[in-house]
C-alpha atoms as a PDB file:
ATOM      1  CA  MET A   1       7.694  -6.094   4.154  1.00  0.00           C
ATOM      2  CA  GLY A   2       6.295  -5.614   8.089  1.00  0.00           C
ATOM      3  CA  PHE A   3       2.750  -4.617   6.763  1.00  0.00           C
ATOM      4  CA  PHE A   4       0.152  -4.579   9.311  1.00  0.00           C
ATOM      5  CA  GLY A   5       2.854  -5.713  11.730  1.00  0.00           C
ATOM      6  CA  PHE A   6       2.158  -9.711  10.891  1.00  0.00           C
ATOM      7  CA  ASN A   7       4.309 -12.025  11.036  1.00  0.00           C
ATOM      8  CA  LYS A   8       5.427 -13.936   8.118  1.00  0.00           C
ATOM      9  CA  GLN A   9       5.446 -17.340  10.549  1.00  0.00           C
ATOM     10  CA  SER A  10       2.106 -16.832  11.803  1.00  0.00           C
ATOM     11  CA  SER A  11      -0.045 -19.871  11.839  1.00  0.00           C
ATOM     12  CA  GLY A  12       2.306 -21.302   9.246  1.00  0.00           C
ATOM     13  CA  HIS A  13       1.366 -19.338   6.706  1.00  0.00           C
ATOM     14  CA  ASP A  14       3.927 -16.811   4.224  1.00  0.00           C
ATOM     15  CA  MET A  15       2.036 -13.933   4.972  1.00  0.00           C
ATOM     16  CA  SER A  16       4.183 -11.790   2.587  1.00  0.00           C
ATOM     17  CA  SER A  17       3.145 -14.018  -0.553  1.00  0.00           C
ATOM     18  CA  TYR A  18      -0.371 -12.289   0.721  1.00  0.00           C
ATOM     19  CA  TYR A  19       0.869  -8.907   0.889  1.00  0.00           C
ATOM     20  CA  HIS A  20       2.856  -8.816  -2.524  1.00  0.00           C
ATOM     21  CA  ALA A  21      -1.182 -10.103  -4.091  1.00  0.00           C
ATOM     22  CA  LEU A  22      -2.508  -7.444  -1.824  1.00  0.00           C
ATOM     23  CA  ILE A  23      -0.929  -4.990  -3.297  1.00  0.00           C
ATOM     24  CA  TYR A  24      -1.144  -6.618  -6.901  1.00  0.00           C
ATOM     25  CA  VAL A  25      -4.981  -6.094  -6.871  1.00  0.00           C
ATOM     26  CA  LEU A  26      -4.779  -2.335  -5.788  1.00  0.00           C
ATOM     27  CA  GLN A  27      -2.032  -1.601  -8.664  1.00  0.00           C
ATOM     28  CA  THR A  28      -4.874  -3.293 -11.046  1.00  0.00           C
ATOM     29  CA  GLN A  29      -7.759  -2.949  -9.598  1.00  0.00           C
ATOM     30  CA  ASN A  30      -9.204  -6.244 -11.507  1.00  0.00           C
ATOM     31  CA  ILE A  31     -11.795  -7.357  -9.109  1.00  0.00           C
ATOM     32  CA  PHE A  32     -11.641 -11.135 -10.522  1.00  0.00           C
ATOM     33  CA  ILE A  33      -7.944 -11.409  -9.217  1.00  0.00           C
ATOM     34  CA  MET A  34      -9.322  -9.621  -5.913  1.00  0.00           C
ATOM     35  CA  ALA A  35     -12.359 -11.784  -5.438  1.00  0.00           C
ATOM     36  CA  CYS A  36      -9.736 -15.111  -6.499  1.00  0.00           C
ATOM     37  CA  ILE A  37      -7.271 -13.611  -3.674  1.00  0.00           C
ATOM     38  CA  ILE A  38      -9.919 -12.999  -1.027  1.00  0.00           C
ATOM     39  CA  THR A  39     -11.285 -17.186  -1.517  1.00  0.00           C
ATOM     40  CA  GLN A  40      -7.486 -18.445  -1.523  1.00  0.00           C
ATOM     41  CA  PHE A  41      -7.299 -16.498   1.993  1.00  0.00           C
ATOM     42  CA  CYS A  42     -10.716 -17.653   3.557  1.00  0.00           C
ATOM     43  CA  LYS A  43     -10.072 -20.992   2.579  1.00  0.00           C
ATOM     44  CA  SER A  44      -6.503 -20.494   3.961  1.00  0.00           C
ATOM     45  CA  ILE A  45      -7.263 -19.616   7.206  1.00  0.00           C
ATOM     46  CA  SER A  46     -10.458 -21.515   7.770  1.00  0.00           C
END
């Protein structure tokens, strides 16, 4: 998607899945989904 200018291949993670998740969260504005996504993202980059 070219979102934020990241490469899909950066650090071996498929960043596009995070973009889709982020867009989904922004559309639904569901705080529980958002918390889950953030938690998973933080685990993956730690």
